[in-house]
Amino acid sequence: MPEFKIVVSDPKTGKAKTVNVKDDKAKALIGLKIGEVFDGSLIGLSGVKLKITGGSDRSGFPMLPYLQGPVKKSIILTKGIGFKPKKKGLRKRKTVRGNTIAEDTALINVVIVS
C-alpha cells in the first residue's frame, strides 16, 4: 500500500507542516502531476486547495516538472533542481524522477493556493 509524507507550506504565514497519508487517501494522489491543484480534503485539510510543487522518491531522487511520467532517468543537468554547479559551464549526469506521483514517491511538497 502506498504511503506518502506531504509537506504543506502556507505562503501567508511562512510555516510548513507535515501530514502522513496512507492507503485509500494515498491512492487518490497517484497519477497527479507537478503543478496540478487538488482539494485538501483528500489529505484531511478541508476548505483549502493545494498545488503540487515537487517531491522525491524513496531513494531521495528529486522530481522534475519537465520530465514526463513516473520514470527514473539519468540525465545531464547544467542547473536547477537536483544540481547546483560550483563553476560556470559545469554539467553533470544525475538521476532524477519524472513529474508524476507513483507508489515509489515518498515525499510530496504542496503549497496552499486558497
PDB file of N, CA and C in Angstrom:
ATOM      1  N   MET A   1       0.834  -1.184   0.000  1.00  0.00           N
ATOM      2  CA  MET A   1       0.000   0.000   0.000  1.00  0.00           C
ATOM      3  C   MET A   1       0.882   1.252   0.000  1.00  0.00           C
ATOM      4  N   PRO A   2       0.506   2.257  -0.771  1.00  0.00           N
ATOM      5  CA  PRO A   2       1.325   3.475  -0.829  1.00  0.00           C
ATOM      6  C   PRO A   2       1.214   4.281   0.464  1.00  0.00           C
ATOM      7  N   GLU A   3       2.301   4.950   0.778  1.00  0.00           N
ATOM      8  CA  GLU A   3       2.349   5.835   1.944  1.00  0.00           C
ATOM      9  C   GLU A   3       3.201   7.044   1.587  1.00  0.00           C
ATOM     10  N   PHE A   4       2.650   8.236   1.776  1.00  0.00           N
ATOM     11  CA  PHE A   4       3.340   9.463   1.423  1.00  0.00           C
ATOM     12  C   PHE A   4       3.481  10.361   2.638  1.00  0.00           C
ATOM     13  N   LYS A   5       4.555  11.134   2.652  1.00  0.00           N
ATOM     14  CA  LYS A   5       4.729  12.216   3.602  1.00  0.00           C
ATOM     15  C   LYS A   5       4.516  13.487   2.803  1.00  0.00           C
ATOM     16  N   ILE A   6       3.538  14.293   3.194  1.00  0.00           N
ATOM     17  CA  ILE A   6       3.200  15.501   2.448  1.00  0.00           C
ATOM     18  C   ILE A   6       3.583  16.719   3.286  1.00  0.00           C
ATOM     19  N   VAL A   7       4.399  17.592   2.704  1.00  0.00           N
ATOM     20  CA  VAL A   7       4.806  18.829   3.365  1.00  0.00           C
ATOM     21  C   VAL A   7       3.926  19.953   2.813  1.00  0.00           C
ATOM     22  N   VAL A   8       3.073  20.499   3.676  1.00  0.00           N
ATOM     23  CA  VAL A   8       2.132  21.543   3.287  1.00  0.00           C
ATOM     24  C   VAL A   8       2.693  22.887   3.727  1.00  0.00           C
ATOM     25  N   SER A   9       2.964  23.781   2.761  1.00  0.00           N
ATOM     26  CA  SER A   9       3.512  25.104   3.051  1.00  0.00           C
ATOM     27  C   SER A   9       2.421  26.155   2.909  1.00  0.00           C
ATOM     28  N   ASP A  10       2.410  27.091   3.858  1.00  0.00           N
ATOM     29  CA  ASP A  10       1.463  28.201   3.821  1.00  0.00           C
ATOM     30  C   ASP A  10       2.241  29.474   3.497  1.00  0.00           C
ATOM     31  N   PRO A  11       2.089  30.046   2.297  1.00  0.00           N
ATOM     32  CA  PRO A  11       2.872  31.228   1.930  1.00  0.00           C
ATOM     33  C   PRO A  11       2.513  32.478   2.730  1.00  0.00           C
ATOM     34  N   LYS A  12       1.321  32.541   3.297  1.00  0.00           N
ATOM     35  CA  LYS A  12       0.919  33.719   4.070  1.00  0.00           C
ATOM     36  C   LYS A  12       1.665  33.795   5.401  1.00  0.00           C
ATOM     37  N   THR A  13       1.805  32.666   6.077  1.00  0.00           N
ATOM     38  CA  THR A  13       2.479  32.651   7.376  1.00  0.00           C
ATOM     39  C   THR A  13       3.939  32.252   7.272  1.00  0.00           C
ATOM     40  N   GLY A  14       4.316  31.591   6.176  1.00  0.00           N
ATOM     41  CA  GLY A  14       5.686  31.128   6.002  1.00  0.00           C
ATOM     42  C   GLY A  14       5.979  29.850   6.757  1.00  0.00           C
ATOM     43  N   LYS A  15       4.957  29.187   7.259  1.00  0.00           N
ATOM     44  CA  LYS A  15       5.145  27.958   8.023  1.00  0.00           C
ATOM     45  C   LYS A  15       4.777  26.746   7.188  1.00  0.00           C
ATOM     46  N   ALA A  16       5.330  25.596   7.589  1.00  0.00           N
ATOM     47  CA  ALA A  16       5.039  24.341   6.900  1.00  0.00           C
ATOM     48  C   ALA A  16       4.729  23.273   7.941  1.00  0.00           C
ATOM     49  N   LYS A  17       3.890  22.323   7.545  1.00  0.00           N
ATOM     50  CA  LYS A  17       3.626  21.190   8.422  1.00  0.00           C
ATOM     51  C   LYS A  17       3.596  19.921   7.600  1.00  0.00           C
ATOM     52  N   THR A  18       3.858  18.808   8.278  1.00  0.00           N
ATOM     53  CA  THR A  18       3.935  17.515   7.607  1.00  0.00           C
ATOM     54  C   THR A  18       2.698  16.700   7.920  1.00  0.00           C
ATOM     55  N   VAL A  19       2.149  16.060   6.876  1.00  0.00           N
ATOM     56  CA  VAL A  19       0.982  15.197   7.013  1.00  0.00           C
ATOM     57  C   VAL A  19       1.342  13.839   6.424  1.00  0.00           C
ATOM     58  N   ASN A  20       1.133  12.766   7.179  1.00  0.00           N
ATOM     59  CA  ASN A  20       1.351  11.410   6.673  1.00  0.00           C
ATOM     60  C   ASN A  20       0.041  10.882   6.113  1.00  0.00           C
ATOM     61  N   VAL A  21       0.096  10.319   4.911  1.00  0.00           N
ATOM     62  CA  VAL A  21      -1.094   9.824   4.225  1.00  0.00           C
ATOM     63  C   VAL A  21      -0.866   8.363   3.860  1.00  0.00           C
ATOM     64  N   LYS A  22      -1.849   7.518   4.136  1.00  0.00           N
ATOM     65  CA  LYS A  22      -1.736   6.085   3.852  1.00  0.00           C
ATOM     66  C   LYS A  22      -2.972   5.592   3.089  1.00  0.00           C
ATOM     67  N   ASP A  23      -2.845   4.410   2.524  1.00  0.00           N
ATOM     68  CA  ASP A  23      -3.912   3.606   1.937  1.00  0.00           C
ATOM     69  C   ASP A  23      -4.785   4.353   0.935  1.00  0.00           C
ATOM     70  N   ASP A  24      -6.092   4.458   1.194  1.00  0.00           N
ATOM     71  CA  ASP A  24      -7.037   4.999   0.214  1.00  0.00           C
ATOM     72  C   ASP A  24      -6.777   6.467  -0.096  1.00  0.00           C
ATOM     73  N   LYS A  25      -6.411   7.254   0.911  1.00  0.00           N
ATOM     74  CA  LYS A  25      -6.102   8.665   0.674  1.00  0.00           C
ATOM     75  C   LYS A  25      -4.867   8.799  -0.213  1.00  0.00           C
ATOM     76  N   ALA A  26      -3.892   7.926  -0.014  1.00  0.00           N
ATOM     77  CA  ALA A  26      -2.671   7.961  -0.820  1.00  0.00           C
ATOM     78  C   ALA A  26      -2.953   7.516  -2.253  1.00  0.00           C
ATOM     79  N   LYS A  27      -3.822   6.543  -2.428  1.00  0.00           N
ATOM     80  CA  LYS A  27      -4.169   6.075  -3.776  1.00  0.00           C
ATOM     81  C   LYS A  27      -4.810   7.179  -4.607  1.00  0.00           C
ATOM     82  N   ALA A  28      -5.533   8.096  -3.950  1.00  0.00           N
ATOM     83  CA  ALA A  28      -6.175   9.198  -4.674  1.00  0.00           C
ATOM     84  C   ALA A  28      -5.150  10.168  -5.254  1.00  0.00           C
ATOM     85  N   LEU A  29      -3.941  10.211  -4.684  1.00  0.00           N
ATOM     86  CA  LEU A  29      -2.905  11.125  -5.168  1.00  0.00           C
ATOM     87  C   LEU A  29      -2.072  10.543  -6.308  1.00  0.00           C
ATOM     88  N   ILE A  30      -2.083   9.224  -6.465  1.00  0.00           N
ATOM     89  CA  ILE A  30      -1.282   8.588  -7.516  1.00  0.00           C
ATOM     90  C   ILE A  30      -1.802   9.016  -8.891  1.00  0.00           C
ATOM     91  N   GLY A  31      -0.892   9.450  -9.732  1.00  0.00           N
ATOM     92  CA  GLY A  31      -1.251   9.904 -11.068  1.00  0.00           C
ATOM     93  C   GLY A  31      -1.301  11.414 -11.202  1.00  0.00           C
ATOM     94  N   LEU A  32      -1.308  12.141 -10.086  1.00  0.00           N
ATOM     95  CA  LEU A  32      -1.285  13.601 -10.164  1.00  0.00           C
ATOM     96  C   LEU A  32       0.118  14.062 -10.545  1.00  0.00           C
ATOM     97  N   LYS A  33       0.200  15.231 -11.186  1.00  0.00           N
ATOM     98  CA  LYS A  33       1.483  15.753 -11.669  1.00  0.00           C
ATOM     99  C   LYS A  33       1.839  17.047 -10.958  1.00  0.00           C
ATOM    100  N   ILE A  34       3.108  17.419 -11.063  1.00  0.00           N
ATOM    101  CA  ILE A  34       3.570  18.688 -10.510  1.00  0.00           C
ATOM    102  C   ILE A  34       2.830  19.828 -11.209  1.00  0.00           C
ATOM    103  N   GLY A  35       2.305  20.761 -10.419  1.00  0.00           N
ATOM    104  CA  GLY A  35       1.558  21.883 -10.959  1.00  0.00           C
ATOM    105  C   GLY A  35       0.055  21.715 -10.868  1.00  0.00           C
ATOM    106  N   GLU A  36      -0.426  20.502 -10.628  1.00  0.00           N
ATOM    107  CA  GLU A  36      -1.864  20.278 -10.526  1.00  0.00           C
ATOM    108  C   GLU A  36      -2.366  20.717  -9.157  1.00  0.00           C
ATOM    109  N   VAL A  37      -3.620  21.154  -9.125  1.00  0.00           N
ATOM    110  CA  VAL A  37      -4.266  21.595  -7.898  1.00  0.00           C
ATOM    111  C   VAL A  37      -5.303  20.553  -7.499  1.00  0.00           C
ATOM    112  N   PHE A  38      -5.333  20.195  -6.200  1.00  0.00           N
ATOM    113  CA  PHE A  38      -6.321  19.246  -5.712  1.00  0.00           C
ATOM    114  C   PHE A  38      -6.907  19.755  -4.399  1.00  0.00           C
ATOM    115  N   ASP A  39      -8.035  19.165  -3.998  1.00  0.00           N
ATOM    116  CA  ASP A  39      -8.736  19.574  -2.792  1.00  0.00           C
ATOM    117  C   ASP A  39      -8.014  19.041  -1.555  1.00  0.00           C
ATOM    118  N   GLY A  40      -7.872  19.865  -0.541  1.00  0.00           N
ATOM    119  CA  GLY A  40      -7.171  19.481   0.678  1.00  0.00           C
ATOM    120  C   GLY A  40      -7.891  18.429   1.493  1.00  0.00           C
ATOM    121  N   SER A  41      -9.177  18.218   1.234  1.00  0.00           N
ATOM    122  CA  SER A  41      -9.917  17.201   1.989  1.00  0.00           C
ATOM    123  C   SER A  41      -9.404  15.789   1.685  1.00  0.00           C
ATOM    124  N   LEU A  42      -8.682  15.623   0.579  1.00  0.00           N
ATOM    125  CA  LEU A  42      -8.082  14.310   0.275  1.00  0.00           C
ATOM    126  C   LEU A  42      -7.066  13.888   1.331  1.00  0.00           C
ATOM    127  N   ILE A  43      -6.412  14.868   1.953  1.00  0.00           N
ATOM    128  CA  ILE A  43      -5.396  14.549   2.953  1.00  0.00           C
ATOM    129  C   ILE A  43      -5.797  14.995   4.356  1.00  0.00           C
ATOM    130  N   GLY A  44      -7.049  15.418   4.518  1.00  0.00           N
ATOM    131  CA  GLY A  44      -7.530  15.783   5.840  1.00  0.00           C
ATOM    132  C   GLY A  44      -7.494  17.266   6.146  1.00  0.00           C
ATOM    133  N   LEU A  45      -7.271  18.114   5.159  1.00  0.00           N
ATOM    134  CA  LEU A  45      -7.279  19.567   5.340  1.00  0.00           C
ATOM    135  C   LEU A  45      -8.448  20.145   4.554  1.00  0.00           C
ATOM    136  N   SER A  46      -9.586  20.270   5.194  1.00  0.00           N
ATOM    137  CA  SER A  46     -10.782  20.713   4.476  1.00  0.00           C
ATOM    138  C   SER A  46     -10.765  22.221   4.287  1.00  0.00           C
ATOM    139  N   GLY A  47     -11.357  22.658   3.184  1.00  0.00           N
ATOM    140  CA  GLY A  47     -11.509  24.079   2.901  1.00  0.00           C
ATOM    141  C   GLY A  47     -10.328  24.739   2.221  1.00  0.00           C
ATOM    142  N   VAL A  48      -9.328  23.977   1.790  1.00  0.00           N
ATOM    143  CA  VAL A  48      -8.180  24.575   1.110  1.00  0.00           C
ATOM    144  C   VAL A  48      -7.905  23.831  -0.195  1.00  0.00           C
ATOM    145  N   LYS A  49      -7.306  24.549  -1.120  1.00  0.00           N
ATOM    146  CA  LYS A  49      -6.827  23.949  -2.366  1.00  0.00           C
ATOM    147  C   LYS A  49      -5.308  23.873  -2.277  1.00  0.00           C
ATOM    148  N   LEU A  50      -4.740  22.768  -2.724  1.00  0.00           N
ATOM    149  CA  LEU A  50      -3.304  22.549  -2.638  1.00  0.00           C
ATOM    150  C   LEU A  50      -2.722  22.341  -4.030  1.00  0.00           C
ATOM    151  N   LYS A  51      -1.570  22.952  -4.270  1.00  0.00           N
ATOM    152  CA  LYS A  51      -0.872  22.817  -5.550  1.00  0.00           C
ATOM    153  C   LYS A  51       0.422  22.039  -5.320  1.00  0.00           C
ATOM    154  N   ILE A  52       0.655  21.021  -6.142  1.00  0.00           N
ATOM    155  CA  ILE A  52       1.856  20.199  -6.028  1.00  0.00           C
ATOM    156  C   ILE A  52       3.033  20.969  -6.629  1.00  0.00           C
ATOM    157  N   THR A  53       4.114  21.120  -5.840  1.00  0.00           N
ATOM    158  CA  THR A  53       5.274  21.871  -6.310  1.00  0.00           C
ATOM    159  C   THR A  53       6.501  20.994  -6.516  1.00  0.00           C
ATOM    160  N   GLY A  54       6.480  19.762  -6.016  1.00  0.00           N
ATOM    161  CA  GLY A  54       7.640  18.885  -6.185  1.00  0.00           C
ATOM    162  C   GLY A  54       7.562  17.688  -5.268  1.00  0.00           C
ATOM    163  N   GLY A  55       8.702  17.032  -5.107  1.00  0.00           N
ATOM    164  CA  GLY A  55       8.767  15.861  -4.245  1.00  0.00           C
ATOM    165  C   GLY A  55      10.014  15.056  -4.510  1.00  0.00           C
ATOM    166  N   SER A  56      10.073  13.898  -3.876  1.00  0.00           N
ATOM    167  CA  SER A  56      11.202  12.997  -4.089  1.00  0.00           C
ATOM    168  C   SER A  56      10.750  11.559  -3.859  1.00  0.00           C
ATOM    169  N   ASP A  57      11.567  10.611  -4.339  1.00  0.00           N
ATOM    170  CA  ASP A  57      11.213   9.209  -4.174  1.00  0.00           C
ATOM    171  C   ASP A  57      11.890   8.642  -2.928  1.00  0.00           C
ATOM    172  N   ARG A  58      11.740   7.337  -2.727  1.00  0.00           N
ATOM    173  CA  ARG A  58      12.257   6.681  -1.523  1.00  0.00           C
ATOM    174  C   ARG A  58      13.781   6.718  -1.446  1.00  0.00           C
ATOM    175  N   SER A  59      14.443   6.842  -2.572  1.00  0.00           N
ATOM    176  CA  SER A  59      15.907   6.907  -2.602  1.00  0.00           C
ATOM    177  C   SER A  59      16.427   8.333  -2.490  1.00  0.00           C
ATOM    178  N   GLY A  60      15.525   9.320  -2.502  1.00  0.00           N
ATOM    179  CA  GLY A  60      15.926  10.714  -2.380  1.00  0.00           C
ATOM    180  C   GLY A  60      16.103  11.437  -3.691  1.00  0.00           C
ATOM    181  N   PHE A  61      15.768  10.801  -4.809  1.00  0.00           N
ATOM    182  CA  PHE A  61      15.894  11.458  -6.106  1.00  0.00           C
ATOM    183  C   PHE A  61      14.752  12.458  -6.298  1.00  0.00           C
ATOM    184  N   PRO A  62      15.054  13.710  -6.680  1.00  0.00           N
ATOM    185  CA  PRO A  62      14.015  14.744  -6.801  1.00  0.00           C
ATOM    186  C   PRO A  62      13.162  14.566  -8.052  1.00  0.00           C
ATOM    187  N   MET A  63      11.930  15.093  -7.977  1.00  0.00           N
ATOM    188  CA  MET A  63      11.022  15.093  -9.119  1.00  0.00           C
ATOM    189  C   MET A  63      11.258  16.364  -9.928  1.00  0.00           C
ATOM    190  N   LEU A  64      11.317  16.216 -11.252  1.00  0.00           N
ATOM    191  CA  LEU A  64      11.483  17.360 -12.145  1.00  0.00           C
ATOM    192  C   LEU A  64      10.170  17.630 -12.877  1.00  0.00           C
ATOM    193  N   PRO A  65       9.739  18.892 -12.953  1.00  0.00           N
ATOM    194  CA  PRO A  65       8.461  19.193 -13.598  1.00  0.00           C
ATOM    195  C   PRO A  65       8.456  18.986 -15.107  1.00  0.00           C
ATOM    196  N   TYR A  66       9.614  19.003 -15.769  1.00  0.00           N
ATOM    197  CA  TYR A  66       9.662  18.873 -17.224  1.00  0.00           C
ATOM    198  C   TYR A  66       9.969  17.457 -17.701  1.00  0.00           C
ATOM    199  N   LEU A  67      10.145  16.500 -16.797  1.00  0.00           N
ATOM    200  CA  LEU A  67      10.383  15.108 -17.163  1.00  0.00           C
ATOM    201  C   LEU A  67       9.067  14.352 -17.025  1.00  0.00           C
ATOM    202  N   GLN A  68       8.493  13.916 -18.144  1.00  0.00           N
ATOM    203  CA  GLN A  68       7.149  13.347 -18.157  1.00  0.00           C
ATOM    204  C   GLN A  68       7.101  11.932 -17.601  1.00  0.00           C
ATOM    205  N   GLY A  69       6.035  11.641 -16.860  1.00  0.00           N
ATOM    206  CA  GLY A  69       5.768  10.300 -16.374  1.00  0.00           C
ATOM    207  C   GLY A  69       6.409  10.002 -15.033  1.00  0.00           C
ATOM    208  N   PRO A  70       6.139   8.807 -14.486  1.00  0.00           N
ATOM    209  CA  PRO A  70       6.685   8.416 -13.184  1.00  0.00           C
ATOM    210  C   PRO A  70       8.011   7.666 -13.307  1.00  0.00           C
ATOM    211  N   VAL A  71       8.837   8.047 -14.250  1.00  0.00           N
ATOM    212  CA  VAL A  71      10.062   7.318 -14.557  1.00  0.00           C
ATOM    213  C   VAL A  71      11.244   7.822 -13.741  1.00  0.00           C
ATOM    214  N   LYS A  72      12.266   6.981 -13.637  1.00  0.00           N
ATOM    215  CA  LYS A  72      13.542   7.380 -13.048  1.00  0.00           C
ATOM    216  C   LYS A  72      14.553   7.353 -14.178  1.00  0.00           C
ATOM    217  N   LYS A  73      15.203   8.512 -14.426  1.00  0.00           N
ATOM    218  CA  LYS A  73      16.158   8.610 -15.523  1.00  0.00           C
ATOM    219  C   LYS A  73      17.430   9.283 -15.044  1.00  0.00           C
ATOM    220  N   SER A  74      18.494   8.995 -15.751  1.00  0.00           N
ATOM    221  CA  SER A  74      19.769   9.646 -15.510  1.00  0.00           C
ATOM    222  C   SER A  74      20.004  10.618 -16.656  1.00  0.00           C
ATOM    223  N   ILE A  75      19.938  11.923 -16.348  1.00  0.00           N
ATOM    224  CA  ILE A  75      20.054  12.937 -17.390  1.00  0.00           C
ATOM    225  C   ILE A  75      21.183  13.912 -17.050  1.00  0.00           C
ATOM    226  N   ILE A  76      21.654  14.629 -18.071  1.00  0.00           N
ATOM    227  CA  ILE A  76      22.705  15.622 -17.868  1.00  0.00           C
ATOM    228  C   ILE A  76      22.047  16.947 -17.481  1.00  0.00           C
ATOM    229  N   LEU A  77      22.463  17.492 -16.333  1.00  0.00           N
ATOM    230  CA  LEU A  77      21.919  18.747 -15.829  1.00  0.00           C
ATOM    231  C   LEU A  77      22.994  19.825 -15.836  1.00  0.00           C
ATOM    232  N   THR A  78      22.583  21.045 -16.129  1.00  0.00           N
ATOM    233  CA  THR A  78      23.501  22.173 -16.070  1.00  0.00           C
ATOM    234  C   THR A  78      23.177  23.086 -14.885  1.00  0.00           C
ATOM    235  N   LYS A  79      21.928  23.065 -14.411  1.00  0.00           N
ATOM    236  CA  LYS A  79      21.497  23.852 -13.258  1.00  0.00           C
ATOM    237  C   LYS A  79      20.102  23.395 -12.864  1.00  0.00           C
ATOM    238  N   GLY A  80      19.596  23.932 -11.779  1.00  0.00           N
ATOM    239  CA  GLY A  80      18.224  23.685 -11.392  1.00  0.00           C
ATOM    240  C   GLY A  80      18.061  22.624 -10.325  1.00  0.00           C
ATOM    241  N   ILE A  81      16.898  22.019 -10.302  1.00  0.00           N
ATOM    242  CA  ILE A  81      16.542  21.037  -9.285  1.00  0.00           C
ATOM    243  C   ILE A  81      17.447  19.819  -9.409  1.00  0.00           C
ATOM    244  N   GLY A  82      18.069  19.451  -8.315  1.00  0.00           N
ATOM    245  CA  GLY A  82      18.915  18.264  -8.298  1.00  0.00           C
ATOM    246  C   GLY A  82      20.384  18.510  -8.553  1.00  0.00           C
ATOM    247  N   PHE A  83      20.758  19.725  -8.985  1.00  0.00           N
ATOM    248  CA  PHE A  83      22.167  20.007  -9.264  1.00  0.00           C
ATOM    249  C   PHE A  83      22.445  21.501  -9.167  1.00  0.00           C
ATOM    250  N   LYS A  84      23.394  21.855  -8.324  1.00  0.00           N
ATOM    251  CA  LYS A  84      23.842  23.241  -8.187  1.00  0.00           C
ATOM    252  C   LYS A  84      25.316  23.293  -8.576  1.00  0.00           C
ATOM    253  N   PRO A  85      25.652  23.795  -9.781  1.00  0.00           N
ATOM    254  CA  PRO A  85      27.046  23.789 -10.240  1.00  0.00           C
ATOM    255  C   PRO A  85      27.933  24.714  -9.417  1.00  0.00           C
ATOM    256  N   LYS A  86      29.168  24.283  -9.185  1.00  0.00           N
ATOM    257  CA  LYS A  86      30.139  25.081  -8.430  1.00  0.00           C
ATOM    258  C   LYS A  86      30.862  26.081  -9.333  1.00  0.00           C
ATOM    259  N   LYS A  87      30.984  25.732 -10.636  1.00  0.00           N
ATOM    260  CA  LYS A  87      31.635  26.610 -11.606  1.00  0.00           C
ATOM    261  C   LYS A  87      30.711  26.834 -12.793  1.00  0.00           C
ATOM    262  N   LYS A  88      30.959  27.918 -13.513  1.00  0.00           N
ATOM    263  CA  LYS A  88      30.172  28.215 -14.700  1.00  0.00           C
ATOM    264  C   LYS A  88      30.477  27.189 -15.795  1.00  0.00           C
ATOM    265  N   GLY A  89      29.424  26.677 -16.448  1.00  0.00           N
ATOM    266  CA  GLY A  89      29.595  25.738 -17.542  1.00  0.00           C
ATOM    267  C   GLY A  89      29.680  24.286 -17.122  1.00  0.00           C
ATOM    268  N   LEU A  90      29.627  24.007 -15.824  1.00  0.00           N
ATOM    269  CA  LEU A  90      29.731  22.642 -15.332  1.00  0.00           C
ATOM    270  C   LEU A  90      28.447  21.877 -15.631  1.00  0.00           C
ATOM    271  N   ARG A  91      28.593  20.644 -16.139  1.00  0.00           N
ATOM    272  CA  ARG A  91      27.453  19.767 -16.398  1.00  0.00           C
ATOM    273  C   ARG A  91      27.707  18.442 -15.702  1.00  0.00           C
ATOM    274  N   LYS A  92      26.624  17.776 -15.288  1.00  0.00           N
ATOM    275  CA  LYS A  92      26.790  16.518 -14.579  1.00  0.00           C
ATOM    276  C   LYS A  92      25.590  15.618 -14.828  1.00  0.00           C
ATOM    277  N   ARG A  93      25.847  14.326 -14.928  1.00  0.00           N
ATOM    278  CA  ARG A  93      24.768  13.359 -15.085  1.00  0.00           C
ATOM    279  C   ARG A  93      24.216  13.009 -13.713  1.00  0.00           C
ATOM    280  N   LYS A  94      22.913  13.230 -13.523  1.00  0.00           N
ATOM    281  CA  LYS A  94      22.257  12.983 -12.247  1.00  0.00           C
ATOM    282  C   LYS A  94      21.006  12.140 -12.475  1.00  0.00           C
ATOM    283  N   THR A  95      20.659  11.336 -11.498  1.00  0.00           N
ATOM    284  CA  THR A  95      19.438  10.547 -11.551  1.00  0.00           C
ATOM    285  C   THR A  95      18.304  11.352 -10.932  1.00  0.00           C
ATOM    286  N   VAL A  96      17.174  11.427 -11.643  1.00  0.00           N
ATOM    287  CA  VAL A  96      16.018  12.207 -11.206  1.00  0.00           C
ATOM    288  C   VAL A  96      14.742  11.421 -11.506  1.00  0.00           C
ATOM    289  N   ARG A  97      13.628  11.891 -10.954  1.00  0.00           N
ATOM    290  CA  ARG A  97      12.306  11.293 -11.167  1.00  0.00           C
ATOM    291  C   ARG A  97      11.470  12.176 -12.078  1.00  0.00           C
ATOM    292  N   GLY A  98      10.466  11.586 -12.683  1.00  0.00           N
ATOM    293  CA  GLY A  98       9.528  12.324 -13.524  1.00  0.00           C
ATOM    294  C   GLY A  98       8.533  13.121 -12.698  1.00  0.00           C
ATOM    295  N   ASN A  99       7.620  13.797 -13.364  1.00  0.00           N
ATOM    296  CA  ASN A  99       6.713  14.731 -12.694  1.00  0.00           C
ATOM    297  C   ASN A  99       5.423  14.106 -12.180  1.00  0.00           C
ATOM    298  N   THR A 100       5.243  12.807 -12.299  1.00  0.00           N
ATOM    299  CA  THR A 100       4.009  12.146 -11.906  1.00  0.00           C
ATOM    300  C   THR A 100       4.203  11.367 -10.607  1.00  0.00           C
ATOM    301  N   ILE A 101       3.237  11.492  -9.702  1.00  0.00           N
ATOM    302  CA  ILE A 101       3.305  10.778  -8.430  1.00  0.00           C
ATOM    303  C   ILE A 101       3.001   9.305  -8.664  1.00  0.00           C
ATOM    304  N   ALA A 102       3.877   8.435  -8.141  1.00  0.00           N
ATOM    305  CA  ALA A 102       3.708   6.988  -8.251  1.00  0.00           C
ATOM    306  C   ALA A 102       3.894   6.373  -6.865  1.00  0.00           C
ATOM    307  N   GLU A 103       3.835   5.056  -6.781  1.00  0.00           N
ATOM    308  CA  GLU A 103       3.999   4.383  -5.495  1.00  0.00           C
ATOM    309  C   GLU A 103       5.415   4.520  -4.958  1.00  0.00           C
ATOM    310  N   ASP A 104       6.388   4.788  -5.821  1.00  0.00           N
ATOM    311  CA  ASP A 104       7.772   4.968  -5.380  1.00  0.00           C
ATOM    312  C   ASP A 104       8.004   6.324  -4.727  1.00  0.00           C
ATOM    313  N   THR A 105       7.083   7.252  -4.886  1.00  0.00           N
ATOM    314  CA  THR A 105       7.225   8.583  -4.313  1.00  0.00           C
ATOM    315  C   THR A 105       7.098   8.496  -2.796  1.00  0.00           C
ATOM    316  N   ALA A 106       7.986   9.177  -2.082  1.00  0.00           N
ATOM    317  CA  ALA A 106       7.946   9.159  -0.622  1.00  0.00           C
ATOM    318  C   ALA A 106       7.510  10.505  -0.053  1.00  0.00           C
ATOM    319  N   LEU A 107       7.929  11.594  -0.697  1.00  0.00           N
ATOM    320  CA  LEU A 107       7.673  12.931  -0.184  1.00  0.00           C
ATOM    321  C   LEU A 107       7.043  13.784  -1.279  1.00  0.00           C
ATOM    322  N   ILE A 108       5.993  14.506  -0.915  1.00  0.00           N
ATOM    323  CA  ILE A 108       5.316  15.392  -1.851  1.00  0.00           C
ATOM    324  C   ILE A 108       5.261  16.792  -1.223  1.00  0.00           C
ATOM    325  N   ASN A 109       5.748  17.777  -1.950  1.00  0.00           N
ATOM    326  CA  ASN A 109       5.692  19.161  -1.490  1.00  0.00           C
ATOM    327  C   ASN A 109       4.474  19.847  -2.115  1.00  0.00           C
ATOM    328  N   VAL A 110       3.659  20.469  -1.275  1.00  0.00           N
ATOM    329  CA  VAL A 110       2.481  21.190  -1.752  1.00  0.00           C
ATOM    330  C   VAL A 110       2.437  22.568  -1.100  1.00  0.00           C
ATOM    331  N   VAL A 111       1.730  23.481  -1.762  1.00  0.00           N
ATOM    332  CA  VAL A 111       1.555  24.838  -1.238  1.00  0.00           C
ATOM    333  C   VAL A 111       0.059  25.170  -1.270  1.00  0.00           C
ATOM    334  N   ILE A 112      -0.402  25.904  -0.260  1.00  0.00           N
ATOM    335  CA  ILE A 112      -1.797  26.298  -0.189  1.00  0.00           C
ATOM    336  C   ILE A 112      -2.036  27.452  -1.165  1.00  0.00           C
ATOM    337  N   VAL A 113      -3.032  27.285  -2.063  1.00  0.00           N
ATOM    338  CA  VAL A 113      -3.321  28.343  -3.031  1.00  0.00           C
ATOM    339  C   VAL A 113      -4.599  29.094  -2.704  1.00  0.00           C
ATOM    340  N   SER A 114      -5.486  28.515  -1.907  1.00  0.00           N
ATOM    341  CA  SER A 114      -6.685  29.252  -1.466  1.00  0.00           C
ATOM    342  C   SER A 114      -7.315  28.590  -0.275  1.00  0.00           C
TER     343      SER A 114
END
